[in-house]
Amino acid sequence: MCFLDDVTFLLTAVVSCLIVFISFMRFWKKGNLPPGPTPLPILGNLLQLSKGDMVKSLLKLSEKYGDVFTVYLGSQPVVVVTGYKAVKEVLVDRGDDFLARGDIACFDFVYRNYGITFTSDMERWRELRRFSLSTMRDFGMGKRTIEDRIQEEALCLVTELKKIKKSLVEPRYYLSKAACNVIFAIMFGNRHDYEDVELLNIISLIYTTFSIASSEWGQLYEMFPCAMKYIPGRHQKIFISLKNLLQFVEKTIEINKKNLDESNPRSYVDAFLIKMEKENANPKTEFHMTNLVTSTLQIFFAGVETTSTTLTYSLLLLMKYPQILEKVQKEIDQVIGRDRCPKIQDRSQMPFTDAVIHEILRFIDLLPMGIPRKTTADIAYRGYAIPKNTNVYPMLSSVLKDPTHFPYPNEFNPQNFLDENDGFKKNDAFMPLAAGKRICLGESLVRVEMFIMLITILQNFNLKSPVPLKDLDISPEISGLGNFPKLFNLAFIPR
């Protein structure tokens, strides 16, 4: 009996492997995908992707296979697009063909195709994006009211930094609080004290989620989601953290709901609740509680993480290059002085500072692989046939470091954005948060917040490193979905 059981098990295993292999080969031959390394059944191109450094691996493969090639993450094909010209085709010139959101398994498991950022439902995305852009503008995004809020929060940050009295600190801890409070005000209509336990917990959950999703654990989950779902490891913290964040958003929405004044909405959540009531009789409406909770968290998450990581990396780079910091502070003193808050209008009179901020965003390469897209139909692209719902990675890193558009692609150098007369020079290849119709919803907010927060800090403080500048490592600690700087300390010395 045991022998028969063993034979049955063996035959079942062999047949199962054959089915998987045949299905895989059929899918592999489907259409006429761009060339790429030959995948193995089930494993795909795992062996060609360095552990924990998918970005570098994909860019290395582009040297062999060209600007457009195919890799298999497990059994799923991904078309990888590199270089300014090819990425612009995907994001802008033929943006409608690649407009659906691609798979990010560790987030999709929780969001389930709802919300504005991680949905591939095009009608849902259009409805929620139209509403969100309009509403966020109404609550200050792109208007003076948000500038006022950022200025006030920047002053709160300065007050907090002065309390530490030149002590060495890890700057992200403080910068995240300010970034979190700005987006709190837009989404929920309030802010938190810097020592508020809930604020600190939210910041920790967001950082944990995004950093693990960008690490080798997150990359393994993207390749083998069905198996990794049941395997212990750091990736399991992503789901716990996201569920805790969803619970926080649900709780906060209930508070806003109880205090809602329909004649005087105070936030994005208030406006969404009012829209839900108006659409209550529409069975096909996208304005329901699930989309409210998921959209709110997705916007909130992106707003906090993008700004706090960018500001943290900014201070590391400026500390590493004191001659650049000195020129920025000189321009601040000439144009703004030290007695008033910086305004976004000041930027046009500060070409060097503007170039430095653009160079920071280019160099840190915040989202090196871009946010994945999907084809919206079977398409012909560069002589290839790409099936509908194929994942596409527009490698923003390859655009921001494209040597045909930046004279100093691999070094931190503001001359990448300065002309021969030291005036600010725009660059079409500058797309740190993507481009086209599906560009980051809060892109303009990030730019305003980045300018006002950073200038306010440099207006008030010098930056002191506890280690020799040659020992400051500006390479990322983690490079995957996002780039994260290595942890570092500095002292904020009042000017």
Protein backbone atom coordinates (compact mmCIF):
# COMPACT_ATOMS: atom_id res chain seq x y z
CA MET A 1 0.00 0.00 0.00
CA CYS A 2 2.84 2.37 0.85
CA PHE A 3 4.50 1.54 -2.47
CA LEU A 4 1.31 2.42 -4.36
CA ASP A 5 1.04 5.68 -2.40
CA ASP A 6 4.64 6.57 -3.30
CA VAL A 7 4.04 5.81 -6.98
CA THR A 8 0.82 7.83 -6.98
CA PHE A 9 2.58 10.76 -5.34
CA LEU A 10 5.47 10.57 -7.80
CA LEU A 11 3.17 10.41 -10.83
CA THR A 12 1.09 13.30 -9.50
CA ALA A 13 4.23 15.39 -8.99
CA VAL A 14 5.55 14.59 -12.47
CA VAL A 15 2.20 15.35 -14.15
CA SER A 16 1.86 18.59 -12.16
CA CYS A 17 5.33 19.72 -13.20
CA LEU A 18 4.58 18.89 -16.83
CA ILE A 19 1.33 20.88 -16.70
CA VAL A 20 3.13 23.86 -15.17
CA PHE A 21 5.95 23.58 -17.71
CA ILE A 22 3.61 23.28 -20.74
CA SER A 23 1.43 26.17 -19.51
CA PHE A 24 4.54 28.24 -18.92
CA MET A 25 5.95 27.52 -22.38
CA ARG A 26 2.64 28.36 -24.03
CA PHE A 27 2.51 31.68 -22.24
CA TRP A 28 6.16 32.32 -23.01
CA LYS A 29 5.47 31.88 -26.73
CA LYS A 30 2.30 33.98 -26.59
CA GLY A 31 2.58 37.07 -28.74
CA ASN A 32 6.04 38.24 -29.76
CA LEU A 33 7.54 39.67 -26.61
CA PRO A 34 10.84 41.57 -26.66
CA PRO A 35 13.96 39.42 -26.23
CA GLY A 36 15.47 38.65 -22.86
CA PRO A 37 17.26 35.99 -20.86
CA THR A 38 15.82 32.49 -21.16
CA PRO A 39 13.60 31.79 -18.14
CA LEU A 40 13.34 28.57 -16.17
CA PRO A 41 9.94 27.03 -15.41
CA ILE A 42 8.50 28.39 -12.15
CA LEU A 43 11.77 30.23 -11.24
CA GLY A 44 11.67 32.50 -14.28
CA ASN A 45 14.81 34.67 -14.39
CA LEU A 46 15.56 34.47 -10.68
CA LEU A 47 19.15 33.39 -11.38
CA GLN A 48 19.81 36.51 -13.48
CA LEU A 49 18.56 38.89 -10.75
CA SER A 50 21.04 39.66 -7.99
CA LYS A 51 19.74 39.08 -4.50
CA GLY A 52 18.26 42.31 -3.15
CA ASP A 53 19.44 44.47 -6.07
CA MET A 54 16.89 44.07 -8.83
CA VAL A 55 17.47 47.61 -10.13
CA LYS A 56 21.16 47.04 -10.89
CA SER A 57 20.39 43.60 -12.36
CA LEU A 58 17.76 44.96 -14.75
CA LEU A 59 19.98 47.83 -15.88
CA LYS A 60 22.80 45.34 -16.48
CA LEU A 61 20.49 43.18 -18.61
CA SER A 62 19.58 46.24 -20.72
CA GLU A 63 23.23 46.47 -21.79
CA LYS A 64 22.85 43.05 -23.44
CA TYR A 65 19.23 43.08 -24.63
CA GLY A 66 18.64 46.76 -25.42
CA ASP A 67 16.22 49.46 -24.29
CA VAL A 68 13.23 47.11 -24.29
CA PHE A 69 13.47 43.51 -23.08
CA THR A 70 11.53 40.84 -21.20
CA VAL A 71 12.28 39.17 -17.89
CA TYR A 72 10.19 36.64 -15.99
CA LEU A 73 9.46 37.24 -12.32
CA GLY A 74 8.50 33.71 -11.49
CA SER A 75 6.12 32.67 -14.25
CA GLN A 76 4.98 36.22 -15.07
CA PRO A 77 6.61 38.16 -17.93
CA VAL A 78 7.58 41.78 -17.37
CA VAL A 79 8.59 44.09 -20.22
CA VAL A 80 11.39 46.34 -18.95
CA VAL A 81 11.82 49.72 -20.64
CA THR A 82 15.00 51.79 -20.21
CA GLY A 83 16.39 55.12 -21.42
CA TYR A 84 14.64 58.45 -21.88
CA LYS A 85 13.31 57.84 -25.38
CA ALA A 86 11.74 54.44 -24.67
CA VAL A 87 10.35 55.40 -21.24
CA LYS A 88 8.83 58.59 -22.66
CA GLU A 89 7.09 56.48 -25.32
CA VAL A 90 5.51 54.34 -22.61
CA LEU A 91 4.56 57.10 -20.18
CA VAL A 92 3.71 59.96 -22.54
CA ASP A 93 3.69 59.38 -26.30
CA ARG A 94 1.74 56.13 -26.08
CA GLY A 95 0.57 56.59 -22.52
CA ASP A 96 -2.97 55.28 -23.14
CA ASP A 97 -1.58 51.89 -24.24
CA PHE A 98 0.24 51.52 -20.91
CA LEU A 99 -2.15 53.36 -18.61
CA ALA A 100 -3.32 50.49 -16.38
CA ARG A 101 -1.54 49.99 -13.07
CA GLY A 102 0.83 47.05 -13.02
CA ASP A 103 0.97 44.42 -10.30
CA ILE A 104 2.69 45.12 -6.98
CA ALA A 105 1.80 41.92 -5.19
CA CYS A 106 2.66 42.98 -1.63
CA PHE A 107 0.29 45.98 -1.87
CA ASP A 108 -2.34 44.37 -4.11
CA PHE A 109 -2.89 41.64 -1.50
CA VAL A 110 -4.30 44.29 0.86
CA TYR A 111 -5.78 46.89 -1.52
CA ARG A 112 -7.53 44.31 -3.77
CA ASN A 113 -7.67 46.67 -6.79
CA TYR A 114 -9.45 49.44 -4.87
CA GLY A 115 -8.36 53.04 -4.36
CA ILE A 116 -6.75 55.48 -6.74
CA THR A 117 -3.10 54.42 -6.90
CA PHE A 118 -3.11 50.64 -7.11
CA THR A 119 -6.18 49.99 -9.23
CA SER A 120 -5.99 48.65 -12.77
CA ASP A 121 -9.72 49.36 -13.25
CA MET A 122 -9.51 52.29 -15.66
CA GLU A 123 -12.98 53.68 -15.00
CA ARG A 124 -12.37 53.58 -11.24
CA TRP A 125 -9.01 55.30 -11.70
CA ARG A 126 -10.48 58.07 -13.88
CA GLU A 127 -13.34 58.79 -11.48
CA LEU A 128 -11.19 58.83 -8.37
CA ARG A 129 -8.32 60.77 -9.94
CA ARG A 130 -10.63 63.47 -11.30
CA PHE A 131 -12.25 63.86 -7.89
CA SER A 132 -8.97 63.70 -5.97
CA LEU A 133 -7.17 66.32 -8.06
CA SER A 134 -10.10 68.70 -7.81
CA THR A 135 -10.56 68.15 -4.08
CA MET A 136 -6.89 68.45 -3.17
CA ARG A 137 -6.72 71.71 -5.10
CA ASP A 138 -9.74 72.94 -3.17
CA PHE A 139 -7.96 72.12 0.08
CA GLY A 140 -4.84 73.95 -0.84
CA MET A 141 -2.81 71.83 -3.24
CA GLY A 142 -1.45 74.33 -5.74
CA LYS A 143 -2.97 77.27 -3.85
CA ARG A 144 -1.62 79.64 -1.25
CA THR A 145 -3.43 77.88 1.59
CA ILE A 146 -1.21 74.81 1.34
CA GLU A 147 1.83 77.06 1.15
CA ASP A 148 0.75 78.65 4.41
CA ARG A 149 0.36 75.23 6.02
CA ILE A 150 3.78 74.09 4.86
CA GLN A 151 5.37 77.33 6.09
CA GLU A 152 3.73 76.88 9.51
CA GLU A 153 4.86 73.26 9.71
CA ALA A 154 8.39 74.21 8.64
CA LEU A 155 8.53 76.71 11.53
CA CYS A 156 7.29 74.02 13.91
CA LEU A 157 10.11 71.80 12.66
CA VAL A 158 12.69 74.55 13.23
CA THR A 159 11.40 75.02 16.78
CA GLU A 160 11.70 71.29 17.39
CA LEU A 161 15.24 71.16 15.99
CA LYS A 162 16.33 74.07 18.17
CA LYS A 163 15.22 72.11 21.25
CA ILE A 164 17.84 69.42 20.65
CA LYS A 165 20.60 72.04 21.10
CA LYS A 166 23.22 70.89 18.59
CA SER A 167 22.93 67.23 19.65
CA LEU A 168 23.57 64.53 17.08
CA VAL A 169 20.29 63.14 15.79
CA GLU A 170 18.95 60.87 13.04
CA PRO A 171 17.20 63.52 10.89
CA ARG A 172 14.52 61.30 9.35
CA TYR A 173 12.88 61.02 12.78
CA TYR A 174 12.12 64.77 12.74
CA LEU A 175 11.54 65.30 9.02
CA SER A 176 8.92 62.54 8.88
CA LYS A 177 6.85 64.28 11.55
CA ALA A 178 6.68 67.49 9.54
CA ALA A 179 5.87 65.66 6.28
CA CYS A 180 3.20 63.61 8.04
CA ASN A 181 1.51 66.68 9.50
CA VAL A 182 1.26 68.43 6.11
CA ILE A 183 -0.56 65.50 4.57
CA PHE A 184 -2.62 65.04 7.76
CA ALA A 185 -3.96 68.56 7.27
CA ILE A 186 -4.99 67.92 3.66
CA MET A 187 -6.47 64.46 4.14
CA PHE A 188 -8.03 64.79 7.61
CA GLY A 189 -8.08 68.50 8.41
CA ASN A 190 -5.81 68.43 11.50
CA ARG A 191 -2.22 67.95 12.67
CA HIS A 192 -0.56 66.14 15.58
CA ASP A 193 1.89 67.23 18.22
CA TYR A 194 5.41 65.98 17.42
CA GLU A 195 5.45 63.74 20.49
CA ASP A 196 2.02 62.25 19.78
CA VAL A 197 2.28 58.46 20.06
CA GLU A 198 -0.16 57.89 17.20
CA LEU A 199 1.85 60.14 14.87
CA LEU A 200 5.06 58.27 15.67
CA ASN A 201 3.38 54.90 15.18
CA ILE A 202 1.98 55.91 11.76
CA ILE A 203 5.41 57.11 10.61
CA SER A 204 7.01 53.85 11.75
CA LEU A 205 4.39 51.72 9.98
CA ILE A 206 4.77 53.61 6.69
CA TYR A 207 8.57 53.41 6.73
CA THR A 208 8.54 49.71 7.66
CA THR A 209 6.08 48.87 4.89
CA PHE A 210 7.85 50.68 2.06
CA SER A 211 11.39 49.71 3.08
CA ILE A 212 10.56 45.99 3.32
CA ALA A 213 8.59 46.12 0.05
CA SER A 214 11.74 47.56 -1.57
CA SER A 215 14.07 44.99 -0.01
CA GLU A 216 14.97 41.49 -1.20
CA TRP A 217 11.99 40.13 0.75
CA GLY A 218 9.60 42.33 -1.18
CA GLN A 219 11.31 41.42 -4.43
CA LEU A 220 10.93 37.70 -3.70
CA TYR A 221 7.27 38.24 -2.92
CA GLU A 222 6.78 39.94 -6.30
CA MET A 223 8.21 36.86 -8.02
CA PHE A 224 6.43 34.16 -6.03
CA PRO A 225 3.39 35.70 -4.29
CA CYS A 226 1.39 32.47 -3.98
CA ALA A 227 4.22 30.66 -2.20
CA MET A 228 5.67 33.60 -0.23
CA LYS A 229 2.25 34.33 1.25
CA TYR A 230 2.74 31.25 3.46
CA ILE A 231 6.49 31.47 4.06
CA PRO A 232 7.75 33.23 7.22
CA GLY A 233 9.96 36.26 6.69
CA ARG A 234 10.16 40.05 6.93
CA HIS A 235 7.66 40.42 4.06
CA GLN A 236 4.90 39.28 6.43
CA LYS A 237 5.33 42.60 8.30
CA ILE A 238 4.09 44.43 5.18
CA PHE A 239 0.63 42.95 5.54
CA ILE A 240 0.47 43.57 9.29
CA SER A 241 1.61 47.18 8.87
CA LEU A 242 -0.81 47.90 6.00
CA LYS A 243 -3.73 46.42 7.94
CA ASN A 244 -2.83 48.58 10.96
CA LEU A 245 -2.68 51.63 8.70
CA LEU A 246 -6.07 50.79 7.19
CA GLN A 247 -7.53 50.50 10.69
CA PHE A 248 -6.10 53.92 11.59
CA VAL A 249 -7.64 55.47 8.47
CA GLU A 250 -11.01 53.81 9.16
CA LYS A 251 -10.99 55.13 12.72
CA THR A 252 -10.07 58.65 11.62
CA ILE A 253 -12.75 58.64 8.91
CA GLU A 254 -15.37 57.71 11.53
CA ILE A 255 -14.28 60.69 13.65
CA ASN A 256 -14.55 63.00 10.62
CA LYS A 257 -17.94 61.51 9.79
CA LYS A 258 -19.33 62.30 13.25
CA ASN A 259 -18.12 65.90 13.02
CA LEU A 260 -18.98 66.43 9.35
CA ASP A 261 -20.42 69.81 8.36
CA GLU A 262 -21.55 69.46 4.74
CA SER A 263 -21.60 73.23 4.30
CA ASN A 264 -17.99 73.51 5.45
CA PRO A 265 -15.84 70.50 4.45
CA ARG A 266 -12.40 70.66 6.05
CA SER A 267 -10.48 67.94 4.23
CA TYR A 268 -10.27 65.35 1.48
CA VAL A 269 -12.12 62.85 3.70
CA ASP A 270 -14.96 65.30 4.33
CA ALA A 271 -15.35 65.99 0.62
CA PHE A 272 -15.39 62.25 -0.17
CA LEU A 273 -18.04 61.59 2.50
CA ILE A 274 -20.23 64.31 0.99
CA LYS A 275 -19.74 62.82 -2.48
CA MET A 276 -20.70 59.39 -1.12
CA GLU A 277 -23.97 60.75 0.18
CA LYS A 278 -24.78 62.39 -3.16
CA GLU A 279 -24.05 59.14 -5.05
CA ASN A 280 -25.82 56.91 -2.54
CA ALA A 281 -28.53 55.83 -5.00
CA ASN A 282 -26.05 54.90 -7.75
CA PRO A 283 -25.29 51.14 -7.53
CA LYS A 284 -22.23 51.54 -9.80
CA THR A 285 -20.70 54.46 -7.95
CA GLU A 286 -17.00 54.43 -7.15
CA PHE A 287 -17.67 56.66 -4.14
CA HIS A 288 -18.08 54.13 -1.36
CA MET A 289 -16.31 53.40 1.91
CA THR A 290 -13.80 50.87 0.52
CA ASN A 291 -12.51 53.34 -2.06
CA LEU A 292 -12.48 56.13 0.52
CA VAL A 293 -10.35 54.14 2.97
CA THR A 294 -7.94 52.78 0.36
CA SER A 295 -7.58 56.04 -1.60
CA THR A 296 -6.98 58.01 1.59
CA LEU A 297 -4.28 55.62 2.77
CA GLN A 298 -2.61 55.45 -0.65
CA ILE A 299 -2.40 59.26 -0.97
CA PHE A 300 -1.39 59.66 2.66
CA PHE A 301 1.27 56.93 2.44
CA ALA A 302 2.83 58.37 -0.72
CA GLY A 303 2.78 61.93 0.63
CA VAL A 304 4.59 61.02 3.85
CA GLU A 305 7.15 58.58 2.43
CA THR A 306 8.10 60.59 -0.68
CA THR A 307 8.74 63.84 1.18
CA SER A 308 10.45 62.43 4.27
CA THR A 309 12.86 60.25 2.28
CA THR A 310 13.66 63.08 -0.16
CA LEU A 311 14.34 65.60 2.62
CA THR A 312 16.48 63.09 4.53
CA TYR A 313 18.58 62.30 1.47
CA SER A 314 18.85 66.04 0.73
CA LEU A 315 20.55 66.76 4.06
CA LEU A 316 22.98 63.88 3.55
CA LEU A 317 24.00 65.14 0.11
CA LEU A 318 24.37 68.77 1.20
CA MET A 319 26.43 67.72 4.20
CA LYS A 320 28.63 65.62 1.90
CA TYR A 321 29.19 68.61 -0.42
CA PRO A 322 29.66 71.69 1.83
CA GLN A 323 30.69 73.91 -1.10
CA ILE A 324 27.26 73.37 -2.67
CA LEU A 325 25.53 73.96 0.67
CA GLU A 326 27.46 77.21 1.12
CA LYS A 327 26.33 78.52 -2.29
CA VAL A 328 22.70 77.60 -1.55
CA GLN A 329 22.81 79.39 1.82
CA LYS A 330 24.39 82.44 0.20
CA GLU A 331 21.55 82.59 -2.32
CA ILE A 332 19.00 82.16 0.48
CA ASP A 333 20.53 85.09 2.38
CA GLN A 334 20.53 87.30 -0.73
CA VAL A 335 16.99 86.57 -1.91
CA ILE A 336 15.05 85.73 1.26
CA GLY A 337 17.22 86.72 4.19
CA ARG A 338 16.88 85.06 7.58
CA ASP A 339 13.80 86.82 8.94
CA ARG A 340 10.92 85.72 6.71
CA CYS A 341 9.55 82.40 5.54
CA PRO A 342 10.50 81.26 2.05
CA LYS A 343 7.73 81.37 -0.56
CA ILE A 344 7.44 79.28 -3.66
CA GLN A 345 7.73 82.48 -5.77
CA ASP A 346 11.28 82.87 -4.45
CA ARG A 347 12.38 79.87 -6.47
CA SER A 348 12.42 81.83 -9.75
CA GLN A 349 15.03 84.20 -8.27
CA MET A 350 17.22 81.38 -6.97
CA PRO A 351 18.59 79.52 -10.04
CA PHE A 352 21.38 77.72 -8.21
CA THR A 353 19.11 76.52 -5.42
CA ASP A 354 16.51 75.44 -7.96
CA ALA A 355 19.18 73.48 -9.83
CA VAL A 356 20.36 71.86 -6.58
CA ILE A 357 16.84 70.73 -5.66
CA HIS A 358 16.29 69.28 -9.12
CA GLU A 359 19.68 67.56 -8.91
CA ILE A 360 18.78 66.08 -5.51
CA LEU A 361 15.57 64.61 -6.93
CA ARG A 362 17.47 63.29 -9.96
CA PHE A 363 20.39 61.85 -8.05
CA ILE A 364 18.51 60.10 -5.24
CA ASP A 365 16.38 58.32 -7.85
CA LEU A 366 13.51 57.83 -5.40
CA LEU A 367 11.51 55.32 -7.48
CA PRO A 368 14.19 53.64 -9.62
CA MET A 369 11.92 51.10 -11.31
CA GLY A 370 8.99 53.48 -11.57
CA ILE A 371 5.57 52.25 -10.53
CA PRO A 372 4.65 49.29 -12.77
CA ARG A 373 2.21 49.78 -15.65
CA LYS A 374 0.10 47.30 -17.62
CA THR A 375 -0.92 47.26 -21.25
CA THR A 376 -4.59 48.14 -21.70
CA ALA A 377 -4.96 46.02 -24.87
CA ASP A 378 -2.94 43.78 -27.17
CA ILE A 379 -0.47 46.23 -28.67
CA ALA A 380 2.28 46.42 -31.27
CA TYR A 381 5.34 48.13 -29.85
CA ARG A 382 8.72 48.52 -31.55
CA GLY A 383 8.05 45.50 -33.74
CA TYR A 384 6.89 43.30 -30.88
CA ALA A 385 3.42 42.03 -29.96
CA ILE A 386 2.69 42.62 -26.28
CA PRO A 387 -0.48 40.98 -24.91
CA LYS A 388 -3.06 42.87 -22.88
CA ASN A 389 -2.40 42.99 -19.10
CA THR A 390 1.35 42.50 -19.48
CA ASN A 391 3.32 44.20 -16.70
CA VAL A 392 5.73 46.94 -17.82
CA TYR A 393 8.53 48.46 -15.74
CA PRO A 394 9.42 52.00 -16.92
CA MET A 395 12.89 52.27 -15.36
CA LEU A 396 13.02 55.87 -14.16
CA SER A 397 16.57 55.32 -12.94
CA SER A 398 17.74 54.85 -16.53
CA VAL A 399 16.08 58.15 -17.51
CA LEU A 400 17.46 60.19 -14.61
CA LYS A 401 20.95 58.85 -15.36
CA ASP A 402 20.68 58.91 -19.14
CA PRO A 403 24.08 60.21 -20.39
CA THR A 404 22.50 61.62 -23.55
CA HIS A 405 20.51 64.09 -21.43
CA PHE A 406 22.66 64.71 -18.36
CA PRO A 407 26.35 65.68 -18.72
CA TYR A 408 27.14 64.25 -15.26
CA PRO A 409 24.76 61.28 -15.02
CA ASN A 410 26.41 59.37 -12.18
CA GLU A 411 27.56 62.18 -9.91
CA PHE A 412 25.81 64.74 -7.76
CA ASN A 413 26.36 67.92 -9.76
CA PRO A 414 23.94 70.91 -10.04
CA GLN A 415 25.49 71.71 -13.44
CA ASN A 416 23.08 69.11 -14.82
CA PHE A 417 20.44 71.85 -14.49
CA LEU A 418 22.47 75.01 -15.16
CA ASP A 419 23.22 76.69 -18.49
CA GLU A 420 26.43 78.42 -19.54
CA ASN A 421 25.31 81.61 -17.74
CA ASP A 422 24.48 79.74 -14.50
CA GLY A 423 20.77 80.17 -15.11
CA PHE A 424 18.38 77.33 -14.35
CA LYS A 425 17.98 74.97 -17.31
CA LYS A 426 14.99 72.65 -17.70
CA ASN A 427 15.58 69.09 -18.80
CA ASP A 428 12.93 66.92 -20.47
CA ALA A 429 14.46 63.79 -18.93
CA PHE A 430 13.70 65.04 -15.42
CA MET A 431 10.87 62.71 -14.37
CA PRO A 432 11.59 61.62 -10.77
CA LEU A 433 7.93 60.75 -10.11
CA ALA A 434 7.10 59.48 -13.62
CA ALA A 435 5.29 61.50 -16.32
CA GLY A 436 2.11 61.55 -18.36
CA LYS A 437 -1.47 60.96 -17.27
CA ARG A 438 -0.60 58.66 -14.40
CA ILE A 439 2.13 60.81 -12.86
CA CYS A 440 2.20 60.88 -9.06
CA LEU A 441 -0.97 62.61 -7.82
CA GLY A 442 0.94 64.72 -5.31
CA GLU A 443 3.86 65.70 -7.53
CA SER A 444 3.22 69.45 -7.24
CA LEU A 445 2.75 69.13 -3.47
CA VAL A 446 6.10 67.34 -3.14
CA ARG A 447 7.89 70.11 -5.05
CA VAL A 448 6.36 72.90 -2.96
CA GLU A 449 6.96 71.04 0.30
CA MET A 450 10.51 70.14 -0.69
CA PHE A 451 11.41 73.76 -1.49
CA ILE A 452 9.86 75.40 1.58
CA MET A 453 10.94 72.75 4.11
CA LEU A 454 14.51 72.46 2.86
CA ILE A 455 15.06 76.20 2.48
CA THR A 456 13.64 76.88 5.95
CA ILE A 457 16.04 74.35 7.47
CA LEU A 458 19.08 75.76 5.63
CA GLN A 459 17.98 79.30 6.43
CA ASN A 460 18.19 78.49 10.14
CA PHE A 461 20.89 75.83 10.48
CA ASN A 462 24.29 74.68 9.37
CA LEU A 463 24.78 70.92 9.09
CA LYS A 464 27.58 69.21 11.01
CA SER A 465 28.70 65.64 10.38
CA PRO A 466 30.09 63.51 13.23
CA VAL A 467 32.38 61.69 10.76
CA PRO A 468 34.83 62.94 8.10
CA LEU A 469 32.98 63.91 4.92
CA LYS A 470 34.90 61.30 2.92
CA ASP A 471 33.29 58.63 5.10
CA LEU A 472 29.72 59.76 4.39
CA ASP A 473 28.19 57.09 2.16
CA ILE A 474 25.56 58.54 -0.20
CA SER A 475 24.74 55.24 -1.92
CA PRO A 476 21.33 53.79 -1.03
CA GLU A 477 20.92 51.24 1.75
CA ILE A 478 18.00 49.64 -0.08
CA SER A 479 17.30 49.87 -3.81
CA GLY A 480 14.14 48.28 -5.16
CA LEU A 481 10.70 49.77 -5.44
CA GLY A 482 12.23 52.75 -3.65
CA ASN A 483 15.73 54.02 -2.79
CA PHE A 484 16.51 54.60 0.88
CA PRO A 485 19.63 56.35 2.23
CA LYS A 486 21.76 54.65 4.86
CA LEU A 487 21.05 55.79 8.40
CA PHE A 488 23.22 58.74 9.43
CA ASN A 489 23.47 61.35 12.17
CA LEU A 490 24.04 65.07 12.05
CA ALA A 491 23.91 68.10 14.28
CA PHE A 492 21.77 71.13 13.41
CA ILE A 493 23.90 74.15 14.34
CA PRO A 494 21.91 77.44 14.52
CA ARG A 495 23.20 80.05 12.10
